[in-house]
PDB file of N, CA and C in Angstrom:
ATOM      1  N   MET A   1     -33.292  -8.790  31.496  1.00  0.00           N
ATOM      2  CA  MET A   1     -31.952  -8.501  31.035  1.00  0.00           C
ATOM      3  C   MET A   1     -31.547  -9.548  29.998  1.00  0.00           C
ATOM      4  N   ASP A   2     -30.853  -9.092  28.975  1.00  0.00           N
ATOM      5  CA  ASP A   2     -30.370 -10.009  27.947  1.00  0.00           C
ATOM      6  C   ASP A   2     -29.303 -10.926  28.513  1.00  0.00           C
ATOM      7  N   THR A   3     -29.199 -12.107  27.911  1.00  0.00           N
ATOM      8  CA  THR A   3     -28.185 -13.068  28.322  1.00  0.00           C
ATOM      9  C   THR A   3     -26.808 -12.573  27.903  1.00  0.00           C
ATOM     10  N   ILE A   4     -25.869 -12.660  28.790  1.00  0.00           N
ATOM     11  CA  ILE A   4     -24.471 -12.349  28.485  1.00  0.00           C
ATOM     12  C   ILE A   4     -23.775 -13.677  28.281  1.00  0.00           C
ATOM     13  N   ARG A   5     -23.158 -13.849  27.104  1.00  0.00           N
ATOM     14  CA  ARG A   5     -22.517 -15.120  26.785  1.00  0.00           C
ATOM     15  C   ARG A   5     -21.008 -14.953  26.747  1.00  0.00           C
ATOM     16  N   TRP A   6     -20.310 -15.975  27.200  1.00  0.00           N
ATOM     17  CA  TRP A   6     -18.849 -16.036  27.068  1.00  0.00           C
ATOM     18  C   TRP A   6     -18.568 -16.422  25.625  1.00  0.00           C
ATOM     19  N   THR A   7     -17.822 -15.587  24.914  1.00  0.00           N
ATOM     20  CA  THR A   7     -17.569 -15.844  23.498  1.00  0.00           C
ATOM     21  C   THR A   7     -16.092 -16.051  23.197  1.00  0.00           C
ATOM     22  N   ASP A   8     -15.270 -16.028  24.191  1.00  0.00           N
ATOM     23  CA  ASP A   8     -13.845 -16.305  24.010  1.00  0.00           C
ATOM     24  C   ASP A   8     -13.648 -17.817  24.146  1.00  0.00           C
ATOM     25  N   LYS A   9     -12.420 -18.255  24.087  1.00  0.00           N
ATOM     26  CA  LYS A   9     -12.132 -19.680  24.212  1.00  0.00           C
ATOM     27  C   LYS A   9     -12.479 -20.172  25.616  1.00  0.00           C
ATOM     28  N   LYS A  10     -12.979 -21.402  25.675  1.00  0.00           N
ATOM     29  CA  LYS A  10     -13.321 -21.999  26.962  1.00  0.00           C
ATOM     30  C   LYS A  10     -12.109 -22.090  27.881  1.00  0.00           C
ATOM     31  N   CYS A  11     -10.958 -22.404  27.314  1.00  0.00           N
ATOM     32  CA  CYS A  11      -9.768 -22.561  28.156  1.00  0.00           C
ATOM     33  C   CYS A  11      -9.409 -21.250  28.852  1.00  0.00           C
ATOM     34  N   GLY A  12      -9.737 -20.113  28.246  1.00  0.00           N
ATOM     35  CA  GLY A  12      -9.498 -18.829  28.904  1.00  0.00           C
ATOM     36  C   GLY A  12     -10.335 -18.667  30.159  1.00  0.00           C
ATOM     37  N   LEU A  13     -11.591 -19.044  30.064  1.00  0.00           N
ATOM     38  CA  LEU A  13     -12.472 -18.976  31.233  1.00  0.00           C
ATOM     39  C   LEU A  13     -12.014 -19.959  32.303  1.00  0.00           C
ATOM     40  N   ILE A  14     -11.571 -21.126  31.880  1.00  0.00           N
ATOM     41  CA  ILE A  14     -11.086 -22.117  32.850  1.00  0.00           C
ATOM     42  C   ILE A  14      -9.833 -21.603  33.550  1.00  0.00           C
ATOM     43  N   GLU A  15      -8.931 -20.969  32.817  1.00  0.00           N
ATOM     44  CA  GLU A  15      -7.755 -20.351  33.457  1.00  0.00           C
ATOM     45  C   GLU A  15      -8.198 -19.362  34.517  1.00  0.00           C
ATOM     46  N   MET A  16      -9.167 -18.511  34.144  1.00  0.00           N
ATOM     47  CA  MET A  16      -9.629 -17.481  35.065  1.00  0.00           C
ATOM     48  C   MET A  16     -10.307 -18.097  36.287  1.00  0.00           C
ATOM     49  N   LEU A  17     -11.095 -19.150  36.085  1.00  0.00           N
ATOM     50  CA  LEU A  17     -11.751 -19.801  37.216  1.00  0.00           C
ATOM     51  C   LEU A  17     -10.745 -20.391  38.187  1.00  0.00           C
ATOM     52  N   TYR A  18      -9.724 -21.063  37.666  1.00  0.00           N
ATOM     53  CA  TYR A  18      -8.694 -21.620  38.546  1.00  0.00           C
ATOM     54  C   TYR A  18      -7.939 -20.511  39.279  1.00  0.00           C
ATOM     55  N   ALA A  19      -7.692 -19.397  38.603  1.00  0.00           N
ATOM     56  CA  ALA A  19      -7.004 -18.282  39.259  1.00  0.00           C
ATOM     57  C   ALA A  19      -7.863 -17.703  40.388  1.00  0.00           C
ATOM     58  N   LEU A  20      -9.146 -17.501  40.115  1.00  0.00           N
ATOM     59  CA  LEU A  20     -10.048 -16.973  41.145  1.00  0.00           C
ATOM     60  C   LEU A  20     -10.174 -17.927  42.319  1.00  0.00           C
ATOM     61  N   ASP A  21     -10.221 -19.214  42.019  1.00  0.00           N
ATOM     62  CA  ASP A  21     -10.290 -20.225  43.071  1.00  0.00           C
ATOM     63  C   ASP A  21      -9.005 -20.217  43.902  1.00  0.00           C
ATOM     64  N   THR A  22      -7.867 -20.156  43.241  1.00  0.00           N
ATOM     65  CA  THR A  22      -6.577 -20.149  43.935  1.00  0.00           C
ATOM     66  C   THR A  22      -6.446 -18.938  44.850  1.00  0.00           C
ATOM     67  N   LEU A  23      -6.941 -17.797  44.375  1.00  0.00           N
ATOM     68  CA  LEU A  23      -6.885 -16.571  45.180  1.00  0.00           C
ATOM     69  C   LEU A  23      -7.919 -16.551  46.302  1.00  0.00           C
ATOM     70  N   GLY A  24      -8.895 -17.449  46.248  1.00  0.00           N
ATOM     71  CA  GLY A  24      -9.962 -17.444  47.260  1.00  0.00           C
ATOM     72  C   GLY A  24     -10.837 -16.223  47.145  1.00  0.00           C
ATOM     73  N   SER A  25     -11.144 -15.837  45.907  1.00  0.00           N
ATOM     74  CA  SER A  25     -11.828 -14.567  45.643  1.00  0.00           C
ATOM     75  C   SER A  25     -13.312 -14.542  45.977  1.00  0.00           C
ATOM     76  N   PHE A  26     -13.930 -15.683  46.232  1.00  0.00           N
ATOM     77  CA  PHE A  26     -15.361 -15.726  46.515  1.00  0.00           C
ATOM     78  C   PHE A  26     -15.621 -16.389  47.860  1.00  0.00           C
ATOM     79  N   ASP A  27     -16.518 -15.793  48.616  1.00  0.00           N
ATOM     80  CA  ASP A  27     -16.942 -16.347  49.909  1.00  0.00           C
ATOM     81  C   ASP A  27     -15.759 -16.652  50.826  1.00  0.00           C
ATOM     82  N   GLY A  28     -14.811 -15.753  50.851  1.00  0.00           N
ATOM     83  CA  GLY A  28     -13.662 -15.916  51.739  1.00  0.00           C
ATOM     84  C   GLY A  28     -12.840 -17.154  51.439  1.00  0.00           C
ATOM     85  N   GLY A  29     -12.858 -17.587  50.171  1.00  0.00           N
ATOM     86  CA  GLY A  29     -12.107 -18.777  49.782  1.00  0.00           C
ATOM     87  C   GLY A  29     -12.815 -20.079  50.090  1.00  0.00           C
ATOM     88  N   GLU A  30     -14.051 -20.006  50.569  1.00  0.00           N
ATOM     89  CA  GLU A  30     -14.792 -21.208  50.952  1.00  0.00           C
ATOM     90  C   GLU A  30     -15.642 -21.785  49.820  1.00  0.00           C
ATOM     91  N   LEU A  31     -15.816 -21.048  48.728  1.00  0.00           N
ATOM     92  CA  LEU A  31     -16.628 -21.531  47.617  1.00  0.00           C
ATOM     93  C   LEU A  31     -15.845 -22.579  46.835  1.00  0.00           C
ATOM     94  N   SER A  32     -16.460 -23.710  46.580  1.00  0.00           N
ATOM     95  CA  SER A  32     -15.768 -24.774  45.858  1.00  0.00           C
ATOM     96  C   SER A  32     -15.601 -24.390  44.387  1.00  0.00           C
ATOM     97  N   LEU A  33     -14.589 -24.940  43.769  1.00  0.00           N
ATOM     98  CA  LEU A  33     -14.353 -24.713  42.348  1.00  0.00           C
ATOM     99  C   LEU A  33     -15.554 -25.204  41.540  1.00  0.00           C
ATOM    100  N   ARG A  34     -16.177 -26.285  41.933  1.00  0.00           N
ATOM    101  CA  ARG A  34     -17.362 -26.802  41.233  1.00  0.00           C
ATOM    102  C   ARG A  34     -18.504 -25.795  41.268  1.00  0.00           C
ATOM    103  N   LYS A  35     -18.765 -25.211  42.448  1.00  0.00           N
ATOM    104  CA  LYS A  35     -19.850 -24.223  42.554  1.00  0.00           C
ATOM    105  C   LYS A  35     -19.512 -22.957  41.778  1.00  0.00           C
ATOM    106  N   LEU A  36     -18.262 -22.549  41.811  1.00  0.00           N
ATOM    107  CA  LEU A  36     -17.821 -21.383  41.048  1.00  0.00           C
ATOM    108  C   LEU A  36     -18.009 -21.642  39.550  1.00  0.00           C
ATOM    109  N   THR A  37     -17.629 -22.830  39.114  1.00  0.00           N
ATOM    110  CA  THR A  37     -17.784 -23.207  37.713  1.00  0.00           C
ATOM    111  C   THR A  37     -19.256 -23.229  37.315  1.00  0.00           C
ATOM    112  N   ASP A  38     -20.090 -23.832  38.144  1.00  0.00           N
ATOM    113  CA  ASP A  38     -21.531 -23.873  37.863  1.00  0.00           C
ATOM    114  C   ASP A  38     -22.097 -22.467  37.724  1.00  0.00           C
ATOM    115  N   PHE A  39     -21.680 -21.568  38.621  1.00  0.00           N
ATOM    116  CA  PHE A  39     -22.163 -20.189  38.571  1.00  0.00           C
ATOM    117  C   PHE A  39     -21.783 -19.535  37.239  1.00  0.00           C
ATOM    118  N   PHE A  40     -20.525 -19.672  36.824  1.00  0.00           N
ATOM    119  CA  PHE A  40     -20.087 -19.057  35.572  1.00  0.00           C
ATOM    120  C   PHE A  40     -20.752 -19.711  34.366  1.00  0.00           C
ATOM    121  N   GLU A  41     -20.912 -21.030  34.390  1.00  0.00           N
ATOM    122  CA  GLU A  41     -21.591 -21.710  33.292  1.00  0.00           C
ATOM    123  C   GLU A  41     -23.022 -21.190  33.139  1.00  0.00           C
ATOM    124  N   ASN A  42     -23.731 -21.066  34.242  1.00  0.00           N
ATOM    125  CA  ASN A  42     -25.112 -20.578  34.208  1.00  0.00           C
ATOM    126  C   ASN A  42     -25.174 -19.098  33.856  1.00  0.00           C
ATOM    127  N   SER A  43     -24.267 -18.311  34.386  1.00  0.00           N
ATOM    128  CA  SER A  43     -24.285 -16.864  34.155  1.00  0.00           C
ATOM    129  C   SER A  43     -23.938 -16.494  32.724  1.00  0.00           C
ATOM    130  N   PHE A  44     -23.020 -17.247  32.120  1.00  0.00           N
ATOM    131  CA  PHE A  44     -22.524 -16.886  30.795  1.00  0.00           C
ATOM    132  C   PHE A  44     -22.917 -17.886  29.707  1.00  0.00           C
ATOM    133  N   ASP A  45     -23.903 -18.728  30.004  1.00  0.00           N
ATOM    134  CA  ASP A  45     -24.481 -19.640  29.022  1.00  0.00           C
ATOM    135  C   ASP A  45     -23.412 -20.448  28.281  1.00  0.00           C
ATOM    136  N   ILE A  46     -22.589 -21.161  29.042  1.00  0.00           N
ATOM    137  CA  ILE A  46     -21.515 -21.965  28.470  1.00  0.00           C
ATOM    138  C   ILE A  46     -21.369 -23.256  29.266  1.00  0.00           C
ATOM    139  N   LYS A  47     -21.038 -24.309  28.580  1.00  0.00           N
ATOM    140  CA  LYS A  47     -20.733 -25.580  29.237  1.00  0.00           C
ATOM    141  C   LYS A  47     -19.237 -25.825  29.096  1.00  0.00           C
ATOM    142  N   LEU A  48     -18.553 -25.941  30.206  1.00  0.00           N
ATOM    143  CA  LEU A  48     -17.104 -26.070  30.192  1.00  0.00           C
ATOM    144  C   LEU A  48     -16.628 -27.515  30.175  1.00  0.00           C
ATOM    145  N   GLY A  49     -17.507 -28.447  30.474  1.00  0.00           N
ATOM    146  CA  GLY A  49     -17.102 -29.847  30.461  1.00  0.00           C
ATOM    147  C   GLY A  49     -16.190 -30.173  31.634  1.00  0.00           C
ATOM    148  N   ASN A  50     -15.260 -31.064  31.398  1.00  0.00           N
ATOM    149  CA  ASN A  50     -14.351 -31.539  32.443  1.00  0.00           C
ATOM    150  C   ASN A  50     -13.210 -30.529  32.629  1.00  0.00           C
ATOM    151  N   ILE A  51     -13.379 -29.625  33.586  1.00  0.00           N
ATOM    152  CA  ILE A  51     -12.379 -28.563  33.746  1.00  0.00           C
ATOM    153  C   ILE A  51     -11.065 -29.081  34.323  1.00  0.00           C
ATOM    154  N   ALA A  52     -11.115 -30.161  35.089  1.00  0.00           N
ATOM    155  CA  ALA A  52      -9.872 -30.728  35.630  1.00  0.00           C
ATOM    156  C   ALA A  52      -8.997 -31.253  34.490  1.00  0.00           C
ATOM    157  N   ARG A  53      -9.603 -31.918  33.528  1.00  0.00           N
ATOM    158  CA  ARG A  53      -8.845 -32.420  32.376  1.00  0.00           C
ATOM    159  C   ARG A  53      -8.302 -31.246  31.545  1.00  0.00           C
ATOM    160  N   ALA A  54      -9.151 -30.240  31.335  1.00  0.00           N
ATOM    161  CA  ALA A  54      -8.711 -29.065  30.583  1.00  0.00           C
ATOM    162  C   ALA A  54      -7.549 -28.372  31.296  1.00  0.00           C
ATOM    163  N   PHE A  55      -7.636 -28.284  32.622  1.00  0.00           N
ATOM    164  CA  PHE A  55      -6.562 -27.656  33.396  1.00  0.00           C
ATOM    165  C   PHE A  55      -5.260 -28.441  33.254  1.00  0.00           C
ATOM    166  N   ASN A  56      -5.348 -29.753  33.323  1.00  0.00           N
ATOM    167  CA  ASN A  56      -4.141 -30.570  33.157  1.00  0.00           C
ATOM    168  C   ASN A  56      -3.535 -30.391  31.769  1.00  0.00           C
ATOM    169  N   GLU A  57      -4.374 -30.287  30.751  1.00  0.00           N
ATOM    170  CA  GLU A  57      -3.879 -30.035  29.398  1.00  0.00           C
ATOM    171  C   GLU A  57      -3.229 -28.658  29.300  1.00  0.00           C
ATOM    172  N   MET A  58      -3.807 -27.666  29.973  1.00  0.00           N
ATOM    173  CA  MET A  58      -3.234 -26.316  29.959  1.00  0.00           C
ATOM    174  C   MET A  58      -1.862 -26.304  30.620  1.00  0.00           C
ATOM    175  N   ARG A  59      -1.706 -27.096  31.654  1.00  0.00           N
ATOM    176  CA  ARG A  59      -0.427 -27.146  32.361  1.00  0.00           C
ATOM    177  C   ARG A  59       0.698 -27.632  31.453  1.00  0.00           C
ATOM    178  N   LEU A  60       0.355 -28.385  30.415  1.00  0.00           N
ATOM    179  CA  LEU A  60       1.345 -28.930  29.493  1.00  0.00           C
ATOM    180  C   LEU A  60       1.695 -27.969  28.358  1.00  0.00           C
ATOM    181  N   ARG A  61       0.945 -26.896  28.221  1.00  0.00           N
ATOM    182  CA  ARG A  61       1.214 -25.929  27.151  1.00  0.00           C
ATOM    183  C   ARG A  61       2.526 -25.202  27.412  1.00  0.00           C
ATOM    184  N   LYS A  62       3.085 -24.635  26.349  1.00  0.00           N
ATOM    185  CA  LYS A  62       4.305 -23.833  26.486  1.00  0.00           C
ATOM    186  C   LYS A  62       4.066 -22.687  27.476  1.00  0.00           C
ATOM    187  N   ASN A  63       2.905 -22.044  27.379  1.00  0.00           N
ATOM    188  CA  ASN A  63       2.529 -20.996  28.321  1.00  0.00           C
ATOM    189  C   ASN A  63       1.178 -21.366  28.923  1.00  0.00           C
ATOM    190  N   PRO A  64       1.176 -21.939  30.119  1.00  0.00           N
ATOM    191  CA  PRO A  64      -0.076 -22.412  30.710  1.00  0.00           C
ATOM    192  C   PRO A  64      -1.045 -21.300  31.123  1.00  0.00           C
ATOM    193  N   THR A  65      -0.585 -20.061  31.170  1.00  0.00           N
ATOM    194  CA  THR A  65      -1.462 -18.952  31.572  1.00  0.00           C
ATOM    195  C   THR A  65      -1.575 -17.909  30.464  1.00  0.00           C
ATOM    196  N   SER A  66      -1.680 -18.353  29.223  1.00  0.00           N
ATOM    197  CA  SER A  66      -1.687 -17.423  28.090  1.00  0.00           C
ATOM    198  C   SER A  66      -2.863 -16.445  28.147  1.00  0.00           C
ATOM    199  N   PHE A  67      -4.043 -16.904  28.556  1.00  0.00           N
ATOM    200  CA  PHE A  67      -5.194 -16.008  28.632  1.00  0.00           C
ATOM    201  C   PHE A  67      -4.984 -14.941  29.707  1.00  0.00           C
ATOM    202  N   LEU A  68      -4.560 -15.364  30.887  1.00  0.00           N
ATOM    203  CA  LEU A  68      -4.331 -14.405  31.970  1.00  0.00           C
ATOM    204  C   LEU A  68      -3.219 -13.426  31.617  1.00  0.00           C
ATOM    205  N   ASP A  69      -2.180 -13.911  30.969  1.00  0.00           N
ATOM    206  CA  ASP A  69      -1.084 -13.035  30.564  1.00  0.00           C
ATOM    207  C   ASP A  69      -1.558 -12.010  29.538  1.00  0.00           C
ATOM    208  N   LYS A  70      -2.347 -12.457  28.573  1.00  0.00           N
ATOM    209  CA  LYS A  70      -2.876 -11.554  27.550  1.00  0.00           C
ATOM    210  C   LYS A  70      -3.779 -10.501  28.181  1.00  0.00           C
ATOM    211  N   MET A  71      -4.630 -10.939  29.108  1.00  0.00           N
ATOM    212  CA  MET A  71      -5.531 -10.017  29.791  1.00  0.00           C
ATOM    213  C   MET A  71      -4.729  -8.947  30.538  1.00  0.00           C
ATOM    214  N   LYS A  72      -3.713  -9.374  31.242  1.00  0.00           N
ATOM    215  CA  LYS A  72      -2.873  -8.446  31.997  1.00  0.00           C
ATOM    216  C   LYS A  72      -2.145  -7.483  31.060  1.00  0.00           C
ATOM    217  N   ASP A  73      -1.535  -8.019  30.020  1.00  0.00           N
ATOM    218  CA  ASP A  73      -0.776  -7.187  29.082  1.00  0.00           C
ATOM    219  C   ASP A  73      -1.668  -6.149  28.403  1.00  0.00           C
ATOM    220  N   LEU A  74      -2.843  -6.552  27.965  1.00  0.00           N
ATOM    221  CA  LEU A  74      -3.749  -5.610  27.309  1.00  0.00           C
ATOM    222  C   LEU A  74      -4.261  -4.556  28.281  1.00  0.00           C
ATOM    223  N   ARG A  75      -4.527  -4.961  29.511  1.00  0.00           N
ATOM    224  CA  ARG A  75      -5.008  -3.998  30.503  1.00  0.00           C
ATOM    225  C   ARG A  75      -3.960  -2.921  30.770  1.00  0.00           C
ATOM    226  N   PHE A  76      -2.708  -3.337  30.956  1.00  0.00           N
ATOM    227  CA  PHE A  76      -1.663  -2.369  31.222  1.00  0.00           C
ATOM    228  C   PHE A  76      -1.339  -1.537  29.995  1.00  0.00           C
ATOM    229  N   ALA A  77      -1.456  -2.108  28.798  1.00  0.00           N
ATOM    230  CA  ALA A  77      -1.229  -1.346  27.575  1.00  0.00           C
ATOM    231  C   ALA A  77      -2.273  -0.246  27.416  1.00  0.00           C
ATOM    232  N   LYS A  78      -3.513  -0.541  27.759  1.00  0.00           N
ATOM    233  CA  LYS A  78      -4.577   0.467  27.677  1.00  0.00           C
ATOM    234  C   LYS A  78      -4.354   1.571  28.689  1.00  0.00           C
ATOM    235  N   ASN A  79      -3.847   1.235  29.857  1.00  0.00           N
ATOM    236  CA  ASN A  79      -3.611   2.235  30.892  1.00  0.00           C
ATOM    237  C   ASN A  79      -2.439   3.147  30.555  1.00  0.00           C
ATOM    238  N   SER A  80      -1.549   2.697  29.668  1.00  0.00           N
ATOM    239  CA  SER A  80      -0.374   3.507  29.353  1.00  0.00           C
ATOM    240  C   SER A  80      -0.634   4.516  28.249  1.00  0.00           C
ATOM    241  N   LEU A  81      -1.848   4.492  27.657  1.00  0.00           N
ATOM    242  CA  LEU A  81      -2.176   5.430  26.572  1.00  0.00           C
ATOM    243  C   LEU A  81      -2.338   6.836  27.068  1.00  0.00           C
TER     244      LEU A  81
END
């Protein structure tokens, strides 16, 4: 199978990882954020670096969940067609 690469901004993937971790979406909430991050880095051929620092920087943005909000808005816009 060909490699699937993450081609959007890294901060978008980090937002999504923190959201999935917060929801406990993997292994009944028992999977660590580090293991989840490692899995996504390996699966999508990307190095995210220090995600805790990136998360803290995102928290300071005017809209700390811009990627998740955009994803939600586009999904609902497509469903309304």
